């Protein structure tokens, strides 16, 4: 059995130290620009007040940057949408710091570190910064986190007939956790998904130099004993492949190329998602 969800991609955001922004990432993918020789410094979440901005860890900063850019492209007010925040590991550096503090000097554990360590920290900062009171979901599913987040966001968009913001992000593992949990660098992506069937059309606002296209994403959940992984993401693969959120890169590359070739991503032990972009102008 399978279930098909038709949604449309109206806004896209992406940030990593070697791909600082969706428009720049598209230029790299198409050979119009070279990635920076040195990684770019972490972005600062401008939508937060100065106090929250100083406290925000890397996970929050990159997640909010990608989310804000996706909303800007879509022309949708951030406060108007429910959101799904997906992260494979949450904030591993903060978790490492907390574990080391608890083992050595537990009375010195920082309340700020603690509240930044929870898995829905980025979602919380987003609702504070935007004043959003819509529903927010935070989830993880190990290697299937991006696909699971996409399925959840698409399901909400179709079921509730409303735009939904998907934000997916991960940062580097540190300390003893790096020996059992692999993740390198920082990567965040965001999509604004609109409900839409075969007869729906949307003109996605594209980065400078790209032709505006209507994009439709069909998410199909089908039972399978084993799911094939997503194909390599071309020039982007070497720039962010070590990150735990790297499975998102195949879809992001397809969006950048307006590529209608089907993609497949695992979601659970016996399921996969078949992704089909309608790349017709």
Protein backbone atom coordinates (compact mmCIF):
# COMPACT_ATOMS: atom_id res chain seq x y z
CA UNK A 1 0.00 0.00 0.00
CA UNK A 2 1.05 3.59 -0.50
CA UNK A 3 -0.28 7.03 0.27
CA UNK A 4 0.38 10.06 -1.87
CA UNK A 5 0.58 13.60 -0.55
CA UNK A 6 0.80 16.41 -3.06
CA UNK A 7 2.42 19.58 -1.77
CA UNK A 8 4.14 22.53 -3.36
CA UNK A 9 7.46 24.08 -2.43
CA UNK A 10 7.00 27.84 -2.12
CA UNK A 11 10.12 28.80 -0.16
CA UNK A 12 13.59 27.37 0.35
CA UNK A 13 16.34 28.18 2.82
CA UNK A 14 19.79 26.63 3.24
CA UNK A 15 22.86 27.45 5.29
CA UNK A 16 26.17 25.75 5.96
CA UNK A 17 29.68 27.20 6.42
CA UNK A 18 30.59 26.29 2.80
CA UNK A 19 27.15 27.02 1.32
CA UNK A 20 26.02 30.22 3.05
CA UNK A 21 22.60 30.75 1.51
CA UNK A 22 20.30 29.11 -1.04
CA UNK A 23 21.13 31.45 -3.94
CA UNK A 24 24.86 30.96 -3.37
CA UNK A 25 24.42 27.19 -3.07
CA UNK A 26 22.58 27.15 -6.41
CA UNK A 27 25.44 29.07 -8.03
CA UNK A 28 27.90 26.50 -6.68
CA UNK A 29 25.79 23.60 -7.93
CA UNK A 30 25.50 25.12 -11.41
CA UNK A 31 29.18 26.04 -11.63
CA UNK A 32 28.59 29.78 -11.51
CA UNK A 33 30.54 30.24 -8.28
CA UNK A 34 33.15 28.43 -6.23
CA UNK A 35 32.58 27.67 -2.55
CA UNK A 36 34.50 29.94 -0.14
CA UNK A 37 38.07 28.85 0.57
CA UNK A 38 37.43 29.03 4.30
CA UNK A 39 34.19 28.19 6.13
CA UNK A 40 31.99 31.20 6.78
CA UNK A 41 31.35 32.27 10.40
CA UNK A 42 28.12 31.26 12.04
CA UNK A 43 25.15 33.46 11.23
CA UNK A 44 23.50 35.54 13.94
CA UNK A 45 19.71 35.13 14.24
CA UNK A 46 18.58 38.71 13.63
CA UNK A 47 14.96 38.01 14.51
CA UNK A 48 15.90 37.38 18.15
CA UNK A 49 16.27 40.08 20.77
CA UNK A 50 19.91 40.76 21.80
CA UNK A 51 19.64 38.68 24.99
CA UNK A 52 18.29 35.60 23.21
CA UNK A 53 20.73 36.16 20.35
CA UNK A 54 23.70 35.95 22.73
CA UNK A 55 22.37 32.78 24.32
CA UNK A 56 21.42 31.03 21.08
CA UNK A 57 23.67 28.04 20.26
CA UNK A 58 24.76 27.01 16.76
CA UNK A 59 21.74 24.76 16.22
CA UNK A 60 19.33 27.61 16.89
CA UNK A 61 21.28 30.14 14.82
CA UNK A 62 21.46 28.07 11.64
CA UNK A 63 17.91 26.70 11.97
CA UNK A 64 16.43 30.19 12.34
CA UNK A 65 18.51 31.54 9.46
CA UNK A 66 17.27 28.86 7.05
CA UNK A 67 13.69 29.21 8.31
CA UNK A 68 13.66 32.99 7.92
CA UNK A 69 15.00 32.81 4.37
CA UNK A 70 12.43 30.19 3.34
CA UNK A 71 9.59 32.35 4.70
CA UNK A 72 11.02 35.39 2.93
CA UNK A 73 11.15 33.56 -0.41
CA UNK A 74 7.62 32.25 0.00
CA UNK A 75 6.26 35.63 1.02
CA UNK A 76 4.50 34.01 3.98
CA UNK A 77 4.50 35.60 7.43
CA UNK A 78 6.51 33.36 9.79
CA UNK A 79 3.97 33.79 12.58
CA UNK A 80 1.15 32.47 10.40
CA UNK A 81 2.40 28.91 9.90
CA UNK A 82 2.69 25.76 11.98
CA UNK A 83 6.21 24.36 11.90
CA UNK A 84 8.08 21.07 12.01
CA UNK A 85 11.65 21.13 13.33
CA UNK A 86 13.71 18.01 12.60
CA UNK A 87 17.17 17.29 13.99
CA UNK A 88 18.93 13.94 14.11
CA UNK A 89 20.90 14.65 17.28
CA UNK A 90 19.87 18.03 18.63
CA UNK A 91 22.74 20.07 20.07
CA UNK A 92 25.57 17.56 20.56
CA UNK A 93 28.20 20.09 21.76
CA UNK A 94 25.88 21.29 24.53
CA UNK A 95 25.05 17.71 25.48
CA UNK A 96 28.78 16.95 25.68
CA UNK A 97 29.38 20.03 27.87
CA UNK A 98 26.54 19.11 30.20
CA UNK A 99 27.73 15.52 30.58
CA UNK A 100 31.29 16.67 31.31
CA UNK A 101 30.03 19.20 33.88
CA UNK A 102 27.79 16.64 35.58
CA UNK A 103 30.72 14.22 35.82
CA UNK A 104 33.19 16.76 37.22
CA UNK A 105 31.42 19.72 38.84
CA UNK A 106 27.64 19.10 38.82
CA UNK A 107 26.84 22.17 40.93
CA UNK A 108 28.17 24.37 38.12
CA UNK A 109 25.67 23.16 35.54
CA UNK A 110 24.35 26.19 33.66
CA UNK A 111 20.56 26.72 33.44
CA UNK A 112 21.11 28.37 30.05
CA UNK A 113 23.00 25.32 28.78
CA UNK A 114 20.22 23.12 30.08
CA UNK A 115 17.39 24.92 28.32
CA UNK A 116 19.42 25.03 25.10
CA UNK A 117 20.00 21.27 25.31
CA UNK A 118 16.38 20.22 24.85
CA UNK A 119 15.48 18.88 21.42
CA UNK A 120 12.86 21.54 20.72
CA UNK A 121 15.12 24.48 21.61
CA UNK A 122 15.24 25.80 18.03
CA UNK A 123 11.45 25.55 17.74
CA UNK A 124 11.10 27.47 20.98
CA UNK A 125 13.42 30.26 19.88
CA UNK A 126 11.56 30.45 16.55
CA UNK A 127 8.20 30.96 18.24
CA UNK A 128 9.70 33.57 20.58
CA UNK A 129 11.46 35.46 17.78
CA UNK A 130 8.52 35.47 15.39
CA UNK A 131 5.68 35.67 17.91
CA UNK A 132 4.21 32.53 16.36
CA UNK A 133 1.49 30.77 18.36
CA UNK A 134 0.78 28.09 15.75
CA UNK A 135 1.48 24.43 16.49
CA UNK A 136 5.12 23.38 16.48
CA UNK A 137 6.53 19.85 16.23
CA UNK A 138 10.09 18.71 17.03
CA UNK A 139 11.13 15.23 15.93
CA UNK A 140 14.05 12.90 15.36
CA UNK A 141 14.30 9.53 13.61
CA UNK A 142 18.05 8.84 13.48
CA UNK A 143 19.15 8.47 9.83
CA UNK A 144 15.57 8.94 8.60
CA UNK A 145 15.07 12.28 10.35
CA UNK A 146 14.82 14.45 7.24
CA UNK A 147 12.43 12.09 5.48
CA UNK A 148 10.32 11.79 8.63
CA UNK A 149 10.20 15.56 9.04
CA UNK A 150 9.21 15.98 5.38
CA UNK A 151 6.45 13.39 5.76
CA UNK A 152 5.14 15.08 8.91
CA UNK A 153 5.16 18.57 7.37
CA UNK A 154 3.54 17.39 4.13
CA UNK A 155 0.88 15.50 6.09
CA UNK A 156 0.01 18.59 8.13
CA UNK A 157 -0.11 20.81 5.03
CA UNK A 158 -2.53 18.48 3.24
CA UNK A 159 -4.65 17.53 6.26
CA UNK A 160 -5.10 21.09 7.49
CA UNK A 161 -4.98 22.84 4.07
CA UNK A 162 -2.40 25.30 5.33
CA UNK A 163 1.21 26.29 4.65
CA UNK A 164 3.69 24.46 6.90
CA UNK A 165 7.32 25.31 7.59
CA UNK A 166 9.83 22.44 7.70
CA UNK A 167 13.24 23.15 9.27
CA UNK A 168 15.93 20.44 9.39
CA UNK A 169 19.37 20.91 10.92
CA UNK A 170 22.35 19.26 12.61
CA UNK A 171 25.77 20.30 13.90
CA UNK A 172 29.05 18.53 14.62
CA UNK A 173 29.47 15.86 17.26
CA UNK A 174 32.01 16.57 19.98
CA UNK A 175 33.82 14.73 22.75
CA UNK A 176 33.04 11.09 23.56
CA UNK A 177 29.75 11.36 21.64
CA UNK A 178 31.71 11.77 18.41
CA UNK A 179 32.94 8.18 18.79
CA UNK A 180 29.40 6.78 18.56
CA UNK A 181 27.51 9.53 16.73
CA UNK A 182 28.89 10.82 13.45
CA UNK A 183 28.23 14.38 12.33
CA UNK A 184 30.52 17.08 10.97
CA UNK A 185 30.11 20.80 10.41
CA UNK A 186 26.78 22.62 10.38
CA UNK A 187 23.87 22.27 7.97
CA UNK A 188 20.34 23.67 8.03
CA UNK A 189 17.62 23.61 5.38
CA UNK A 190 14.05 24.88 5.40
CA UNK A 191 11.04 24.47 3.11
CA UNK A 192 7.70 26.24 3.10
CA UNK A 193 5.21 23.62 1.90
CA UNK A 194 1.77 24.46 0.54
CA UNK A 195 -1.03 21.96 -0.03
CA UNK A 196 -1.66 21.31 -3.71
CA UNK A 197 -2.98 18.68 -6.10
CA UNK A 198 -2.34 18.04 -9.75
CA UNK A 199 -4.44 21.00 -10.84
CA UNK A 200 -2.71 23.46 -8.52
CA UNK A 201 -0.03 25.81 -9.73
CA UNK A 202 2.40 27.98 -7.85
CA UNK A 203 5.21 30.21 -9.01
CA UNK A 204 8.09 29.75 -6.60
CA UNK A 205 10.20 32.84 -6.04
CA UNK A 206 13.62 31.79 -7.27
CA UNK A 207 17.11 33.11 -6.47
CA UNK A 208 18.62 35.70 -8.76
CA UNK A 209 19.62 34.20 -12.08
CA UNK A 210 17.24 31.23 -11.83
CA UNK A 211 14.09 30.89 -13.87
CA UNK A 212 10.95 30.94 -11.70
CA UNK A 213 9.25 27.55 -11.78
CA UNK A 214 6.19 25.93 -10.34
CA UNK A 215 7.33 23.03 -8.18
CA UNK A 216 5.15 20.23 -6.88
CA UNK A 217 6.41 17.61 -4.46
CA UNK A 218 4.62 14.30 -4.24
CA UNK A 219 5.47 12.30 -1.14
CA UNK A 220 4.63 8.60 -1.43
CA UNK A 221 4.99 6.22 1.48
CA UNK A 222 5.37 2.63 0.31
CA UNK A 223 6.19 -0.53 2.24
CA UNK A 224 9.54 -2.03 1.38
CA UNK A 225 11.94 -4.43 3.03
CA UNK A 226 14.83 -2.08 2.44
CA UNK A 227 14.94 1.45 1.10
CA UNK A 228 17.55 2.75 -1.27
CA UNK A 229 19.41 5.81 -0.09
CA UNK A 230 19.24 9.13 -1.93
CA UNK A 231 21.70 9.68 -4.76
CA UNK A 232 24.79 11.82 -4.36
CA UNK A 233 24.13 15.56 -4.42
CA UNK A 234 26.84 16.45 -6.93
CA UNK A 235 29.14 19.36 -6.04
CA UNK A 236 27.38 19.84 -2.70
CA UNK A 237 28.23 16.36 -1.45
CA UNK A 238 31.84 17.17 -0.58
CA UNK A 239 30.80 20.36 1.23
CA UNK A 240 28.24 18.97 3.68
CA UNK A 241 28.17 15.18 3.29
CA UNK A 242 29.66 14.58 6.74
CA UNK A 243 26.72 16.22 8.47
CA UNK A 244 23.96 14.07 9.94
CA UNK A 245 21.39 16.01 7.90
CA UNK A 246 23.16 15.23 4.59
CA UNK A 247 20.25 13.04 3.35
CA UNK A 248 18.40 16.28 2.59
CA UNK A 249 20.96 17.32 -0.02
CA UNK A 250 19.57 15.11 -2.79
CA UNK A 251 16.18 16.82 -2.62
CA UNK A 252 17.74 20.26 -2.31
CA UNK A 253 19.87 19.59 -5.41
CA UNK A 254 16.78 18.43 -7.29
CA UNK A 255 14.99 21.64 -6.31
CA UNK A 256 17.95 23.72 -7.48
CA UNK A 257 18.06 21.93 -10.84
CA UNK A 258 14.26 21.62 -11.19
CA UNK A 259 15.04 17.94 -11.75
CA UNK A 260 12.04 15.66 -12.15
CA UNK A 261 14.00 12.42 -11.60
CA UNK A 262 12.43 10.47 -8.73
CA UNK A 263 14.17 10.22 -5.37
CA UNK A 264 13.80 7.65 -2.63
CA UNK A 265 14.47 8.11 1.08
CA UNK A 266 14.11 5.65 3.94
CA UNK A 267 11.57 6.37 6.64
CA UNK A 268 11.40 3.64 9.25
CA UNK A 269 12.45 0.00 9.04
CA UNK A 270 9.94 -1.08 6.41
CA UNK A 271 8.99 2.08 4.56
CA UNK A 272 10.41 4.60 2.18
CA UNK A 273 9.35 7.86 0.61
CA UNK A 274 9.29 8.28 -3.15
CA UNK A 275 9.72 11.95 -4.02
CA UNK A 276 8.65 13.29 -7.39
CA UNK A 277 9.16 16.90 -8.37
CA UNK A 278 6.96 18.39 -11.02
CA UNK A 279 9.60 20.55 -12.70
CA UNK A 280 7.47 21.88 -15.52
CA UNK A 281 7.77 25.69 -15.86
